[in-house]
Amino acid sequence: MQFTTVALNVVIMLAYAIPGYLFIKTKFVKEENIPAFSKLLLYVCQPCLMVYCMQQVTYSKELFIQMLIFLALSTALQVLACVGLHFIFLKKSEEAKYRVAKVAPVFGNVGFFGTPLLEALLPEYPEALAFASMFIVSFNLLVWTIGAYFLTGDKRFIRPKKMVLNPPFISLIVALPLFFTCTTLPTIIANPVTILAKFTTPLCMIIVGMRFATEKPTELFTEPTAYLSSALKLVILPLLAFLCVNWMPISYVMKATMFILFCCPSANVILSLSEISGTGQKPAANAVLMSTAFCMVTIPLLLLLLQFTPQ
């Protein structure tokens, strides 16, 4: 995978953040309006993205088995990473910034950032989008349970209902029957679904740009734990995931998809969890924003490793 191709795609995606940054700085959009954009992304665009991904592939028994394997493998890797970081930072769990460092490196922006990146980098493998859907399901199963617990240190914030009552899971329930029956949505429905699915990345990055505009650079780039969290998210865990999957007897596209998704920056849901619990909002925002900024360097460099993965 060529460095310039990957770098150009990542830079283009990050460039979408510029309008969001300008909206806040020019007061065209007020800071208190950011949650409204997030709701549009979560409850409208993301379900369309899930349906769109499943519409790109045709059902076969072999593909379905691969999807289940990918779901199990992505779940296992995220659990191992989360538990490992929990024990690494166990003695410092009283501090919110270290609780953030337990979860921010594990849960990446695999839906809004990873899925469009897969479509750009692996256009000849549409099944990569189906695998990404499985990763998103795994992500949501974990982030509202062990993710919420490790971030807050309080079992009250574990939300079992969120494991299934979330837009990606519900939209997958809608998409799977279409997948199993090889049903293609009629054009009058497919076109708006595709438009909204394609809008996830611009809208997500616009929101990130807005978040950047609300932060002081001196506070963002002078926090050591944010650098630690970003290093874990963008370098250490992706390399460990690569080493884990590269020797497994699975297809090249499964290995490449897993690696690319693990390279994604920290997910915005980390910030949402911190806001819900009322703890660690500042370190969570720093971890998400810094990892997003640095991924324009780390993703192109790390994906050079895919040339050592046999196709």
C-alpha atoms as a PDB file:
ATOM      1  CA  MET A   1       0.000   0.000   0.000  1.00  0.00           C
ATOM      2  CA  GLN A   2       1.648   3.220  -1.170  1.00  0.00           C
ATOM      3  CA  PHE A   3       2.531   5.846   1.427  1.00  0.00           C
ATOM      4  CA  THR A   4       1.392   8.800  -0.718  1.00  0.00           C
ATOM      5  CA  THR A   5      -2.004   7.214  -1.455  1.00  0.00           C
ATOM      6  CA  VAL A   6      -2.718   6.553   2.209  1.00  0.00           C
ATOM      7  CA  ALA A   7      -1.377   9.934   3.332  1.00  0.00           C
ATOM      8  CA  LEU A   8      -3.468  11.816   0.763  1.00  0.00           C
ATOM      9  CA  ASN A   9      -6.670  10.037   1.830  1.00  0.00           C
ATOM     10  CA  VAL A  10      -6.001  10.701   5.520  1.00  0.00           C
ATOM     11  CA  VAL A  11      -5.183  14.377   4.917  1.00  0.00           C
ATOM     12  CA  ILE A  12      -8.359  14.837   2.861  1.00  0.00           C
ATOM     13  CA  MET A  13     -10.421  13.298   5.662  1.00  0.00           C
ATOM     14  CA  LEU A  14      -8.797  15.518   8.283  1.00  0.00           C
ATOM     15  CA  ALA A  15      -9.299  18.599   6.089  1.00  0.00           C
ATOM     16  CA  TYR A  16     -13.030  18.262   6.678  1.00  0.00           C
ATOM     17  CA  ALA A  17     -12.351  19.486  10.225  1.00  0.00           C
ATOM     18  CA  ILE A  18     -11.399  22.963   8.992  1.00  0.00           C
ATOM     19  CA  PRO A  19     -14.983  24.218   8.427  1.00  0.00           C
ATOM     20  CA  GLY A  20     -15.965  23.036  11.906  1.00  0.00           C
ATOM     21  CA  TYR A  21     -13.028  24.874  13.431  1.00  0.00           C
ATOM     22  CA  LEU A  22     -13.942  28.060  11.567  1.00  0.00           C
ATOM     23  CA  PHE A  23     -17.628  27.760  12.501  1.00  0.00           C
ATOM     24  CA  ILE A  24     -16.767  27.981  16.204  1.00  0.00           C
ATOM     25  CA  LYS A  25     -13.987  30.540  15.929  1.00  0.00           C
ATOM     26  CA  THR A  26     -16.179  32.892  13.880  1.00  0.00           C
ATOM     27  CA  LYS A  27     -19.145  32.198  16.204  1.00  0.00           C
ATOM     28  CA  PHE A  28     -21.184  31.073  13.192  1.00  0.00           C
ATOM     29  CA  VAL A  29     -22.030  28.045  15.353  1.00  0.00           C
ATOM     30  CA  LYS A  30     -22.137  28.252  19.136  1.00  0.00           C
ATOM     31  CA  GLU A  31     -20.336  25.682  21.293  1.00  0.00           C
ATOM     32  CA  GLU A  32     -23.596  24.562  22.892  1.00  0.00           C
ATOM     33  CA  ASN A  33     -24.892  23.544  19.447  1.00  0.00           C
ATOM     34  CA  ILE A  34     -22.202  20.881  18.915  1.00  0.00           C
ATOM     35  CA  PRO A  35     -24.307  18.099  20.527  1.00  0.00           C
ATOM     36  CA  ALA A  36     -26.992  18.648  17.878  1.00  0.00           C
ATOM     37  CA  PHE A  37     -24.472  17.839  15.149  1.00  0.00           C
ATOM     38  CA  SER A  38     -23.402  14.753  17.112  1.00  0.00           C
ATOM     39  CA  LYS A  39     -26.991  13.525  17.327  1.00  0.00           C
ATOM     40  CA  LEU A  40     -27.414  13.910  13.563  1.00  0.00           C
ATOM     41  CA  LEU A  41     -24.253  11.860  13.065  1.00  0.00           C
ATOM     42  CA  LEU A  42     -25.207   9.151  15.550  1.00  0.00           C
ATOM     43  CA  TYR A  43     -28.918   8.724  14.888  1.00  0.00           C
ATOM     44  CA  VAL A  44     -29.156   9.438  11.146  1.00  0.00           C
ATOM     45  CA  CYS A  45     -25.846   9.034   9.351  1.00  0.00           C
ATOM     46  CA  GLN A  46     -24.404   6.061  11.241  1.00  0.00           C
ATOM     47  CA  PRO A  47     -27.433   3.758  10.717  1.00  0.00           C
ATOM     48  CA  CYS A  48     -27.298   4.594   7.008  1.00  0.00           C
ATOM     49  CA  LEU A  49     -23.588   3.751   7.016  1.00  0.00           C
ATOM     50  CA  MET A  50     -24.270   0.298   8.493  1.00  0.00           C
ATOM     51  CA  VAL A  51     -26.969  -0.445   5.915  1.00  0.00           C
ATOM     52  CA  TYR A  52     -24.751   0.871   3.114  1.00  0.00           C
ATOM     53  CA  CYS A  53     -21.850  -1.368   4.180  1.00  0.00           C
ATOM     54  CA  MET A  54     -23.991  -4.500   4.158  1.00  0.00           C
ATOM     55  CA  GLN A  55     -25.440  -3.581   0.775  1.00  0.00           C
ATOM     56  CA  GLN A  56     -21.971  -3.686  -0.790  1.00  0.00           C
ATOM     57  CA  VAL A  57     -21.623  -7.458  -0.413  1.00  0.00           C
ATOM     58  CA  THR A  58     -23.569 -10.515  -1.545  1.00  0.00           C
ATOM     59  CA  TYR A  59     -24.381 -13.250   0.921  1.00  0.00           C
ATOM     60  CA  SER A  60     -22.449 -16.475   0.853  1.00  0.00           C
ATOM     61  CA  LYS A  61     -21.874 -19.045   3.568  1.00  0.00           C
ATOM     62  CA  GLU A  62     -18.120 -18.478   3.394  1.00  0.00           C
ATOM     63  CA  LEU A  63     -18.455 -14.704   3.801  1.00  0.00           C
ATOM     64  CA  PHE A  64     -20.855 -15.068   6.728  1.00  0.00           C
ATOM     65  CA  ILE A  65     -18.452 -17.422   8.521  1.00  0.00           C
ATOM     66  CA  GLN A  66     -15.637 -14.927   7.913  1.00  0.00           C
ATOM     67  CA  MET A  67     -17.800 -12.157   9.381  1.00  0.00           C
ATOM     68  CA  LEU A  68     -18.419 -14.206  12.526  1.00  0.00           C
ATOM     69  CA  ILE A  69     -14.699 -14.967  12.832  1.00  0.00           C
ATOM     70  CA  PHE A  70     -13.929 -11.266  12.423  1.00  0.00           C
ATOM     71  CA  LEU A  71     -16.500 -10.379  15.093  1.00  0.00           C
ATOM     72  CA  ALA A  72     -14.978 -12.859  17.552  1.00  0.00           C
ATOM     73  CA  LEU A  73     -11.420 -11.820  16.757  1.00  0.00           C
ATOM     74  CA  SER A  74     -12.078  -8.072  17.013  1.00  0.00           C
ATOM     75  CA  THR A  75     -13.899  -8.591  20.317  1.00  0.00           C
ATOM     76  CA  ALA A  76     -11.060 -10.684  21.740  1.00  0.00           C
ATOM     77  CA  LEU A  77      -8.372  -8.178  20.733  1.00  0.00           C
ATOM     78  CA  GLN A  78     -10.270  -5.233  22.215  1.00  0.00           C
ATOM     79  CA  VAL A  79     -10.947  -7.097  25.468  1.00  0.00           C
ATOM     80  CA  LEU A  80      -7.299  -8.126  25.795  1.00  0.00           C
ATOM     81  CA  ALA A  81      -6.143  -4.560  25.145  1.00  0.00           C
ATOM     82  CA  CYS A  82      -8.613  -3.088  27.616  1.00  0.00           C
ATOM     83  CA  VAL A  83      -7.784  -5.571  30.382  1.00  0.00           C
ATOM     84  CA  GLY A  84      -4.054  -5.193  29.757  1.00  0.00           C
ATOM     85  CA  LEU A  85      -4.186  -1.395  30.027  1.00  0.00           C
ATOM     86  CA  HIS A  86      -6.382  -1.695  33.114  1.00  0.00           C
ATOM     87  CA  PHE A  87      -3.665  -3.597  34.945  1.00  0.00           C
ATOM     88  CA  ILE A  88      -0.895  -1.322  33.625  1.00  0.00           C
ATOM     89  CA  PHE A  89      -2.634   1.752  35.081  1.00  0.00           C
ATOM     90  CA  LEU A  90      -4.263  -0.024  38.034  1.00  0.00           C
ATOM     91  CA  LYS A  91      -2.244   1.774  40.704  1.00  0.00           C
ATOM     92  CA  LYS A  92      -3.082   5.166  39.179  1.00  0.00           C
ATOM     93  CA  SER A  93      -6.810   4.562  38.697  1.00  0.00           C
ATOM     94  CA  GLU A  94      -7.724   7.293  41.152  1.00  0.00           C
ATOM     95  CA  GLU A  95      -6.704   9.894  38.584  1.00  0.00           C
ATOM     96  CA  ALA A  96      -9.185  10.497  35.770  1.00  0.00           C
ATOM     97  CA  LYS A  97      -6.467  11.038  33.166  1.00  0.00           C
ATOM     98  CA  TYR A  98      -5.133   7.517  33.714  1.00  0.00           C
ATOM     99  CA  ARG A  99      -8.622   6.022  33.582  1.00  0.00           C
ATOM    100  CA  VAL A 100      -8.995   7.717  30.198  1.00  0.00           C
ATOM    101  CA  ALA A 101      -5.649   6.189  29.184  1.00  0.00           C
ATOM    102  CA  LYS A 102      -7.154   2.743  29.844  1.00  0.00           C
ATOM    103  CA  VAL A 103      -9.920   3.071  27.274  1.00  0.00           C
ATOM    104  CA  ALA A 104      -9.042   5.804  24.745  1.00  0.00           C
ATOM    105  CA  PRO A 105      -6.283   3.671  23.149  1.00  0.00           C
ATOM    106  CA  VAL A 106      -8.649   0.699  22.753  1.00  0.00           C
ATOM    107  CA  PHE A 107     -11.796   2.172  21.279  1.00  0.00           C
ATOM    108  CA  GLY A 108     -11.103   3.807  17.941  1.00  0.00           C
ATOM    109  CA  ASN A 109     -13.169   5.801  15.493  1.00  0.00           C
ATOM    110  CA  VAL A 110     -13.782   2.696  13.375  1.00  0.00           C
ATOM    111  CA  GLY A 111     -17.167   3.754  12.028  1.00  0.00           C
ATOM    112  CA  PHE A 112     -16.887   7.381  10.990  1.00  0.00           C
ATOM    113  CA  PHE A 113     -13.151   7.343  10.230  1.00  0.00           C
ATOM    114  CA  GLY A 114     -12.238   3.698   9.636  1.00  0.00           C
ATOM    115  CA  THR A 115     -15.031   2.643   7.295  1.00  0.00           C
ATOM    116  CA  PRO A 116     -14.499   5.429   4.710  1.00  0.00           C
ATOM    117  CA  LEU A 117     -10.758   4.804   4.962  1.00  0.00           C
ATOM    118  CA  LEU A 118     -11.298   1.129   4.133  1.00  0.00           C
ATOM    119  CA  GLU A 119     -13.452   2.051   1.163  1.00  0.00           C
ATOM    120  CA  ALA A 120     -10.718   4.344  -0.135  1.00  0.00           C
ATOM    121  CA  LEU A 121      -7.779   2.006   0.486  1.00  0.00           C
ATOM    122  CA  LEU A 122      -9.362  -1.376  -0.287  1.00  0.00           C
ATOM    123  CA  PRO A 123     -11.827  -0.614  -3.113  1.00  0.00           C
ATOM    124  CA  GLU A 124     -11.292  -4.051  -4.643  1.00  0.00           C
ATOM    125  CA  TYR A 125     -12.454  -5.736  -1.410  1.00  0.00           C
ATOM    126  CA  PRO A 126     -16.076  -4.732  -0.683  1.00  0.00           C
ATOM    127  CA  GLU A 127     -16.224  -7.418   2.030  1.00  0.00           C
ATOM    128  CA  ALA A 128     -13.942  -5.158   4.104  1.00  0.00           C
ATOM    129  CA  LEU A 129     -17.005  -2.978   4.773  1.00  0.00           C
ATOM    130  CA  ALA A 130     -18.949  -5.986   6.062  1.00  0.00           C
ATOM    131  CA  PHE A 131     -16.042  -6.819   8.369  1.00  0.00           C
ATOM    132  CA  ALA A 132     -16.008  -3.204   9.561  1.00  0.00           C
ATOM    133  CA  SER A 133     -19.689  -3.561  10.486  1.00  0.00           C
ATOM    134  CA  MET A 134     -18.773  -6.517  12.689  1.00  0.00           C
ATOM    135  CA  PHE A 135     -16.057  -4.455  14.355  1.00  0.00           C
ATOM    136  CA  ILE A 136     -18.575  -1.664  15.022  1.00  0.00           C
ATOM    137  CA  VAL A 137     -20.949  -4.156  16.659  1.00  0.00           C
ATOM    138  CA  SER A 138     -18.094  -5.480  18.806  1.00  0.00           C
ATOM    139  CA  PHE A 139     -17.090  -1.919  19.667  1.00  0.00           C
ATOM    140  CA  ASN A 140     -20.567  -1.060  20.921  1.00  0.00           C
ATOM    141  CA  LEU A 141     -20.870  -4.280  22.908  1.00  0.00           C
ATOM    142  CA  LEU A 142     -17.696  -3.403  24.807  1.00  0.00           C
ATOM    143  CA  VAL A 143     -17.574   0.374  25.093  1.00  0.00           C
ATOM    144  CA  TRP A 144     -20.816   0.598  27.093  1.00  0.00           C
ATOM    145  CA  THR A 145     -19.787  -2.197  29.479  1.00  0.00           C
ATOM    146  CA  ILE A 146     -16.107  -2.690  30.314  1.00  0.00           C
ATOM    147  CA  GLY A 147     -15.223   0.588  28.614  1.00  0.00           C
ATOM    148  CA  ALA A 148     -17.673   2.543  30.771  1.00  0.00           C
ATOM    149  CA  TYR A 149     -16.518   0.718  33.901  1.00  0.00           C
ATOM    150  CA  PHE A 150     -12.783   1.234  33.340  1.00  0.00           C
ATOM    151  CA  LEU A 151     -13.306   4.897  32.438  1.00  0.00           C
ATOM    152  CA  THR A 152     -15.438   5.761  35.459  1.00  0.00           C
ATOM    153  CA  GLY A 153     -14.431   3.093  37.978  1.00  0.00           C
ATOM    154  CA  ASP A 154     -18.124   2.865  38.839  1.00  0.00           C
ATOM    155  CA  LYS A 155     -20.408  -0.028  37.854  1.00  0.00           C
ATOM    156  CA  ARG A 156     -23.403   2.331  37.857  1.00  0.00           C
ATOM    157  CA  PHE A 157     -22.284   3.678  34.494  1.00  0.00           C
ATOM    158  CA  ILE A 158     -22.304   0.270  32.820  1.00  0.00           C
ATOM    159  CA  ARG A 159     -25.183   0.433  30.331  1.00  0.00           C
ATOM    160  CA  PRO A 160     -26.112  -3.142  29.244  1.00  0.00           C
ATOM    161  CA  LYS A 161     -29.096  -1.816  27.281  1.00  0.00           C
ATOM    162  CA  LYS A 162     -26.735   0.311  25.220  1.00  0.00           C
ATOM    163  CA  MET A 163     -25.112  -2.906  23.995  1.00  0.00           C
ATOM    164  CA  VAL A 164     -28.163  -3.590  21.830  1.00  0.00           C
ATOM    165  CA  LEU A 165     -30.198  -0.389  21.960  1.00  0.00           C
ATOM    166  CA  ASN A 166     -27.786   1.670  19.889  1.00  0.00           C
ATOM    167  CA  PRO A 167     -28.100   2.903  16.282  1.00  0.00           C
ATOM    168  CA  PRO A 168     -25.415   0.611  14.767  1.00  0.00           C
ATOM    169  CA  PHE A 169     -26.847  -2.554  16.317  1.00  0.00           C
ATOM    170  CA  ILE A 170     -30.443  -1.706  15.436  1.00  0.00           C
ATOM    171  CA  SER A 171     -29.495  -0.782  11.870  1.00  0.00           C
ATOM    172  CA  LEU A 172     -27.574  -4.068  11.569  1.00  0.00           C
ATOM    173  CA  ILE A 173     -30.755  -5.931  12.517  1.00  0.00           C
ATOM    174  CA  VAL A 174     -32.400  -4.164   9.577  1.00  0.00           C
ATOM    175  CA  ALA A 175     -29.472  -4.804   7.229  1.00  0.00           C
ATOM    176  CA  LEU A 176     -28.879  -8.489   7.969  1.00  0.00           C
ATOM    177  CA  PRO A 177     -32.199  -9.789   6.539  1.00  0.00           C
ATOM    178  CA  LEU A 178     -31.436  -7.856   3.347  1.00  0.00           C
ATOM    179  CA  PHE A 179     -27.964  -9.422   3.348  1.00  0.00           C
ATOM    180  CA  PHE A 180     -29.209 -12.987   3.918  1.00  0.00           C
ATOM    181  CA  THR A 181     -31.891 -12.710   1.241  1.00  0.00           C
ATOM    182  CA  CYS A 182     -29.577 -10.915  -1.227  1.00  0.00           C
ATOM    183  CA  THR A 183     -32.101  -8.086  -1.385  1.00  0.00           C
ATOM    184  CA  THR A 184     -30.953  -4.787  -2.873  1.00  0.00           C
ATOM    185  CA  LEU A 185     -32.693  -1.630  -1.757  1.00  0.00           C
ATOM    186  CA  PRO A 186     -34.709   0.114  -4.475  1.00  0.00           C
ATOM    187  CA  THR A 187     -32.963   3.115  -5.978  1.00  0.00           C
ATOM    188  CA  ILE A 188     -35.375   5.606  -4.438  1.00  0.00           C
ATOM    189  CA  ILE A 189     -34.257   4.386  -0.982  1.00  0.00           C
ATOM    190  CA  ALA A 190     -30.677   3.372  -1.766  1.00  0.00           C
ATOM    191  CA  ASN A 191     -29.679   6.806  -3.075  1.00  0.00           C
ATOM    192  CA  PRO A 192     -30.494   8.808   0.092  1.00  0.00           C
ATOM    193  CA  VAL A 193     -29.042   6.031   2.268  1.00  0.00           C
ATOM    194  CA  THR A 194     -25.798   6.219   0.286  1.00  0.00           C
ATOM    195  CA  ILE A 195     -25.677  10.019   0.478  1.00  0.00           C
ATOM    196  CA  LEU A 196     -26.149   9.993   4.257  1.00  0.00           C
ATOM    197  CA  ALA A 197     -23.639   7.149   4.659  1.00  0.00           C
ATOM    198  CA  LYS A 198     -21.034   9.072   2.671  1.00  0.00           C
ATOM    199  CA  PHE A 199     -21.706  12.141   4.818  1.00  0.00           C
ATOM    200  CA  THR A 200     -20.529  10.424   8.026  1.00  0.00           C
ATOM    201  CA  THR A 201     -16.859  11.285   7.559  1.00  0.00           C
ATOM    202  CA  PRO A 202     -17.306  14.993   6.675  1.00  0.00           C
ATOM    203  CA  LEU A 203     -19.792  15.475   9.502  1.00  0.00           C
ATOM    204  CA  CYS A 204     -17.648  13.585  12.027  1.00  0.00           C
ATOM    205  CA  MET A 205     -14.584  15.627  11.143  1.00  0.00           C
ATOM    206  CA  ILE A 206     -16.562  18.886  11.202  1.00  0.00           C
ATOM    207  CA  ILE A 207     -17.525  17.996  14.790  1.00  0.00           C
ATOM    208  CA  VAL A 208     -13.890  17.212  15.601  1.00  0.00           C
ATOM    209  CA  GLY A 209     -12.926  20.610  14.169  1.00  0.00           C
ATOM    210  CA  MET A 210     -15.493  22.245  16.421  1.00  0.00           C
ATOM    211  CA  ARG A 211     -14.029  20.425  19.417  1.00  0.00           C
ATOM    212  CA  PHE A 212     -10.548  21.600  18.449  1.00  0.00           C
ATOM    213  CA  ALA A 213     -11.788  25.193  18.380  1.00  0.00           C
ATOM    214  CA  THR A 214     -13.056  24.930  21.962  1.00  0.00           C
ATOM    215  CA  GLU A 215      -9.668  23.763  23.288  1.00  0.00           C
ATOM    216  CA  LYS A 216      -6.645  25.876  24.159  1.00  0.00           C
ATOM    217  CA  PRO A 217      -3.571  24.564  22.261  1.00  0.00           C
ATOM    218  CA  THR A 218      -1.403  25.108  25.336  1.00  0.00           C
ATOM    219  CA  GLU A 219      -3.640  22.782  27.361  1.00  0.00           C
ATOM    220  CA  LEU A 220      -4.024  20.228  24.583  1.00  0.00           C
ATOM    221  CA  PHE A 221      -0.369  19.813  23.655  1.00  0.00           C
ATOM    222  CA  THR A 222       1.161  20.115  27.128  1.00  0.00           C
ATOM    223  CA  GLU A 223      -0.611  17.150  28.739  1.00  0.00           C
ATOM    224  CA  PRO A 224       1.805  14.149  28.956  1.00  0.00           C
ATOM    225  CA  THR A 225      -0.928  11.526  29.361  1.00  0.00           C
ATOM    226  CA  ALA A 226      -2.510  12.653  26.081  1.00  0.00           C
ATOM    227  CA  TYR A 227       0.762  11.852  24.320  1.00  0.00           C
ATOM    228  CA  LEU A 228       0.885   8.495  26.104  1.00  0.00           C
ATOM    229  CA  SER A 229      -2.690   7.688  25.120  1.00  0.00           C
ATOM    230  CA  SER A 230      -2.032   8.703  21.506  1.00  0.00           C
ATOM    231  CA  ALA A 231       1.138   6.598  21.328  1.00  0.00           C
ATOM    232  CA  LEU A 232      -0.745   3.580  22.621  1.00  0.00           C
ATOM    233  CA  LYS A 233      -3.681   4.141  20.246  1.00  0.00           C
ATOM    234  CA  LEU A 234      -1.781   5.019  17.107  1.00  0.00           C
ATOM    235  CA  VAL A 235       1.393   2.926  17.392  1.00  0.00           C
ATOM    236  CA  ILE A 236       1.616   0.296  20.135  1.00  0.00           C
ATOM    237  CA  LEU A 237      -1.816  -1.370  19.917  1.00  0.00           C
ATOM    238  CA  PRO A 238      -1.947  -1.347  16.086  1.00  0.00           C
ATOM    239  CA  LEU A 239       1.461  -3.029  15.968  1.00  0.00           C
ATOM    240  CA  LEU A 240       0.366  -5.636  18.511  1.00  0.00           C
ATOM    241  CA  ALA A 241      -2.823  -6.260  16.520  1.00  0.00           C
ATOM    242  CA  PHE A 242      -0.761  -6.628  13.344  1.00  0.00           C
ATOM    243  CA  LEU A 243       1.519  -9.177  15.001  1.00  0.00           C
ATOM    244  CA  CYS A 244      -1.497 -11.102  16.311  1.00  0.00           C
ATOM    245  CA  VAL A 245      -3.420 -11.377  13.046  1.00  0.00           C
ATOM    246  CA  ASN A 246      -0.577 -11.584  10.555  1.00  0.00           C
ATOM    247  CA  TRP A 247       0.241 -15.204  11.421  1.00  0.00           C
ATOM    248  CA  MET A 248      -3.391 -16.369  11.548  1.00  0.00           C
ATOM    249  CA  PRO A 249      -4.856 -18.545   8.770  1.00  0.00           C
ATOM    250  CA  ILE A 250      -7.333 -15.893   7.641  1.00  0.00           C
ATOM    251  CA  SER A 251      -7.636 -13.969   4.387  1.00  0.00           C
ATOM    252  CA  TYR A 252      -5.526 -10.946   3.486  1.00  0.00           C
ATOM    253  CA  VAL A 253      -8.548  -8.649   3.495  1.00  0.00           C
ATOM    254  CA  MET A 254      -9.448  -9.711   7.059  1.00  0.00           C
ATOM    255  CA  LYS A 255      -5.893  -8.989   8.224  1.00  0.00           C
ATOM    256  CA  ALA A 256      -5.705  -5.656   6.404  1.00  0.00           C
ATOM    257  CA  THR A 257      -9.138  -4.568   7.642  1.00  0.00           C
ATOM    258  CA  MET A 258      -8.306  -5.406  11.253  1.00  0.00           C
ATOM    259  CA  PHE A 259      -4.997  -3.549  11.074  1.00  0.00           C
ATOM    260  CA  ILE A 260      -6.467  -0.445   9.411  1.00  0.00           C
ATOM    261  CA  LEU A 261      -9.288  -0.238  11.962  1.00  0.00           C
ATOM    262  CA  PHE A 262      -6.859  -0.562  14.870  1.00  0.00           C
ATOM    263  CA  CYS A 263      -4.836   2.335  13.391  1.00  0.00           C
ATOM    264  CA  CYS A 264      -7.800   4.718  13.682  1.00  0.00           C
ATOM    265  CA  PRO A 265      -7.716   7.558  16.257  1.00  0.00           C
ATOM    266  CA  SER A 266      -9.681   7.435  19.499  1.00  0.00           C
ATOM    267  CA  ALA A 267     -13.465   7.528  19.186  1.00  0.00           C
ATOM    268  CA  ASN A 268     -15.642  10.489  20.149  1.00  0.00           C
ATOM    269  CA  VAL A 269     -17.697   8.155  22.355  1.00  0.00           C
ATOM    270  CA  ILE A 270     -14.863   8.322  24.917  1.00  0.00           C
ATOM    271  CA  LEU A 271     -15.662  11.991  25.367  1.00  0.00           C
ATOM    272  CA  SER A 272     -19.390  11.206  25.507  1.00  0.00           C
ATOM    273  CA  LEU A 273     -18.846   8.634  28.276  1.00  0.00           C
ATOM    274  CA  SER A 274     -16.776  11.101  30.290  1.00  0.00           C
ATOM    275  CA  GLU A 275     -19.470  13.758  29.926  1.00  0.00           C
ATOM    276  CA  ILE A 276     -22.200  11.320  31.015  1.00  0.00           C
ATOM    277  CA  SER A 277     -20.238  10.283  34.107  1.00  0.00           C
ATOM    278  CA  GLY A 278     -18.992  13.798  34.852  1.00  0.00           C
ATOM    279  CA  THR A 279     -15.394  12.643  35.132  1.00  0.00           C
ATOM    280  CA  GLY A 280     -12.311  13.129  32.994  1.00  0.00           C
ATOM    281  CA  GLN A 281     -13.870  15.359  30.336  1.00  0.00           C
ATOM    282  CA  LYS A 282     -10.690  17.357  29.733  1.00  0.00           C
ATOM    283  CA  PRO A 283      -8.270  14.377  29.411  1.00  0.00           C
ATOM    284  CA  ALA A 284     -10.844  12.557  27.265  1.00  0.00           C
ATOM    285  CA  ALA A 285     -11.111  15.522  24.892  1.00  0.00           C
ATOM    286  CA  ASN A 286      -7.316  15.803  24.771  1.00  0.00           C
ATOM    287  CA  ALA A 287      -6.907  12.092  23.985  1.00  0.00           C
ATOM    288  CA  VAL A 288      -9.474  12.158  21.165  1.00  0.00           C
ATOM    289  CA  LEU A 289      -8.245  15.382  19.569  1.00  0.00           C
ATOM    290  CA  MET A 290      -4.527  14.623  19.828  1.00  0.00           C
ATOM    291  CA  SER A 291      -4.850  11.119  18.391  1.00  0.00           C
ATOM    292  CA  THR A 292      -6.913  12.546  15.527  1.00  0.00           C
ATOM    293  CA  ALA A 293      -4.245  15.151  14.787  1.00  0.00           C
ATOM    294  CA  PHE A 294      -1.330  12.703  14.880  1.00  0.00           C
ATOM    295  CA  CYS A 295      -2.992   9.952  12.849  1.00  0.00           C
ATOM    296  CA  MET A 296      -2.162  11.808   9.624  1.00  0.00           C
ATOM    297  CA  VAL A 297       1.441  10.743  10.248  1.00  0.00           C
ATOM    298  CA  THR A 298       1.043   7.358  11.919  1.00  0.00           C
ATOM    299  CA  ILE A 299      -1.533   5.769   9.604  1.00  0.00           C
ATOM    300  CA  PRO A 300       0.448   6.184   6.348  1.00  0.00           C
ATOM    301  CA  LEU A 301       3.629   4.961   8.053  1.00  0.00           C
ATOM    302  CA  LEU A 302       2.093   1.944   9.772  1.00  0.00           C
ATOM    303  CA  LEU A 303       0.162   0.778   6.730  1.00  0.00           C
ATOM    304  CA  LEU A 304       3.460   0.292   4.915  1.00  0.00           C
ATOM    305  CA  LEU A 305       3.606  -2.938   6.951  1.00  0.00           C
ATOM    306  CA  LEU A 306       0.802  -4.382   4.830  1.00  0.00           C
ATOM    307  CA  GLN A 307       3.322  -5.029   2.080  1.00  0.00           C
ATOM    308  CA  PHE A 308       4.683  -7.776   4.329  1.00  0.00           C
ATOM    309  CA  THR A 309       1.256  -9.418   4.555  1.00  0.00           C
ATOM    310  CA  PRO A 310       0.870 -12.105   1.860  1.00  0.00           C
ATOM    311  CA  GLN A 311      -2.204 -11.690  -0.334  1.00  0.00           C
END
